[in-house]
Amino acid sequence: MSITLYGIPNCDTMKKARAWLDDHAVGYAFHDYKKAGADPARLTLWADHVGWETLVNRRGTTFRKLPDDAREGLDQDRAVALMAQHPSLIKRPVLEYPGGILVGFDAERYAAALL
């Protein structure tokens, strides 16, 4: 089973997700947005699957620092472009696994999907 965890290494939620995966011996590849960026085609795929609203981290400082005109009137195309330009806007982590996509970390959802 091919699993990829997307995010940034220093995020506390990412650390929890990685610890859970390691503790449960779930193998995965890690994609670091800071080093490898965020592919707009993949972001569009995720948005189609879970909704762009689920992917955008509106609570983070990156979103709050955006100009008002960038934050207002968002739709999927604009949200994907912003997330590709500012990967810190993507809610973390995103876990891609053969059965789907999980956004954010929740131990029960991880267990149901992966164990």
Protein backbone atom coordinates (compact mmCIF):
# COMPACT_ATOMS: atom_id res chain seq x y z
CA MET A 1 0.00 0.00 0.00
CA SER A 2 1.50 3.34 -1.09
CA ILE A 3 0.98 6.12 1.45
CA THR A 4 2.27 9.69 1.25
CA LEU A 5 2.09 12.23 4.05
CA TYR A 6 2.18 15.86 2.90
CA GLY A 7 3.11 18.81 5.10
CA ILE A 8 5.96 20.64 6.76
CA PRO A 9 8.27 18.98 9.29
CA ASN A 10 8.05 21.46 12.17
CA CYS A 11 4.25 21.52 12.48
CA ASP A 12 2.99 20.02 15.77
CA THR A 13 0.09 18.27 14.06
CA MET A 14 2.50 16.79 11.54
CA LYS A 15 4.64 15.48 14.37
CA LYS A 16 1.58 13.77 15.90
CA ALA A 17 0.64 12.18 12.58
CA ARG A 18 4.18 10.97 11.92
CA ALA A 19 4.45 9.56 15.45
CA TRP A 20 1.13 7.73 15.02
CA LEU A 21 2.23 6.24 11.69
CA ASP A 22 5.58 5.19 13.15
CA ASP A 23 4.00 3.75 16.31
CA HIS A 24 1.63 1.65 14.18
CA ALA A 25 4.37 0.56 11.75
CA VAL A 26 2.60 2.16 8.79
CA GLY A 27 5.14 2.85 6.07
CA TYR A 28 4.86 6.15 4.25
CA ALA A 29 6.74 8.64 2.11
CA PHE A 30 6.96 12.22 3.38
CA HIS A 31 6.49 15.17 1.02
CA ASP A 32 7.86 18.40 2.50
CA TYR A 33 6.08 21.41 1.02
CA LYS A 34 8.92 23.71 2.08
CA LYS A 35 11.43 21.76 -0.01
CA ALA A 36 9.35 20.19 -2.77
CA GLY A 37 6.47 22.66 -3.14
CA ALA A 38 2.81 21.91 -3.73
CA ASP A 39 1.68 20.69 -7.15
CA PRO A 40 -1.43 22.56 -8.38
CA ALA A 41 -2.72 19.44 -10.19
CA ARG A 42 -2.53 17.41 -6.97
CA LEU A 43 -4.19 20.25 -5.02
CA THR A 44 -7.02 20.28 -7.57
CA LEU A 45 -7.41 16.51 -7.21
CA TRP A 46 -7.62 16.85 -3.43
CA ALA A 47 -10.06 19.75 -3.68
CA ASP A 48 -12.25 17.68 -6.00
CA HIS A 49 -12.17 14.84 -3.46
CA VAL A 50 -12.56 16.65 -0.11
CA GLY A 51 -13.54 20.20 -1.08
CA TRP A 52 -11.21 23.18 -1.26
CA GLU A 53 -12.73 24.60 1.92
CA THR A 54 -11.41 21.58 3.84
CA LEU A 55 -7.89 22.09 2.45
CA VAL A 56 -7.45 25.79 3.23
CA ASN A 57 -6.04 26.49 6.68
CA ARG A 58 -7.93 29.68 7.54
CA ARG A 59 -6.67 29.68 11.14
CA GLY A 60 -2.99 30.02 10.30
CA THR A 61 -0.94 33.19 10.18
CA THR A 62 -0.27 32.76 6.45
CA PHE A 63 -3.99 33.09 5.67
CA ARG A 64 -4.43 36.02 8.04
CA LYS A 65 -1.48 37.85 6.46
CA LEU A 66 -2.95 37.62 2.97
CA PRO A 67 -4.39 40.87 1.60
CA ASP A 68 -8.15 41.18 2.08
CA ASP A 69 -8.80 40.92 -1.66
CA ALA A 70 -6.98 37.56 -1.76
CA ARG A 71 -9.03 36.13 1.13
CA GLU A 72 -12.43 37.34 -0.01
CA GLY A 73 -14.52 35.61 -2.65
CA LEU A 74 -12.40 32.47 -2.76
CA ASP A 75 -13.41 29.71 -5.11
CA GLN A 76 -11.62 26.46 -5.90
CA ASP A 77 -9.40 27.85 -8.66
CA ARG A 78 -8.24 30.83 -6.59
CA ALA A 79 -7.78 28.67 -3.49
CA VAL A 80 -5.65 26.15 -5.40
CA ALA A 81 -3.50 28.95 -6.86
CA LEU A 82 -2.99 30.46 -3.39
CA MET A 83 -2.13 27.09 -1.82
CA ALA A 84 0.36 26.37 -4.61
CA GLN A 85 1.97 29.78 -4.06
CA HIS A 86 1.82 29.56 -0.23
CA PRO A 87 1.93 25.87 0.82
CA SER A 88 1.53 26.90 4.47
CA LEU A 89 -2.10 27.63 3.55
CA ILE A 90 -2.74 23.90 3.18
CA LYS A 91 -4.27 22.32 6.26
CA ARG A 92 -1.86 19.75 7.65
CA PRO A 93 -1.30 16.97 7.29
CA VAL A 94 -2.73 15.59 4.09
CA LEU A 95 -2.47 11.81 3.94
CA GLU A 96 -2.89 10.18 0.57
CA TYR A 97 -3.53 6.44 0.72
CA PRO A 98 -5.00 3.93 -1.75
CA GLY A 99 -8.48 4.30 -0.23
CA GLY A 100 -8.60 8.10 -0.33
CA ILE A 101 -7.36 11.28 1.31
CA LEU A 102 -7.40 12.37 4.94
CA VAL A 103 -6.96 16.04 5.85
CA GLY A 104 -5.84 16.91 9.38
CA PHE A 105 -4.86 14.36 12.01
CA ASP A 106 -7.32 12.28 13.95
CA ALA A 107 -6.09 8.99 15.41
CA GLU A 108 -9.46 7.27 15.01
CA ARG A 109 -9.76 8.23 11.35
CA TYR A 110 -6.18 7.10 10.72
CA ALA A 111 -6.87 3.76 12.42
CA ALA A 112 -10.09 3.20 10.47
CA ALA A 113 -8.37 3.97 7.17
CA LEU A 114 -5.01 2.30 7.66
CA LEU A 115 -5.27 -0.57 10.12
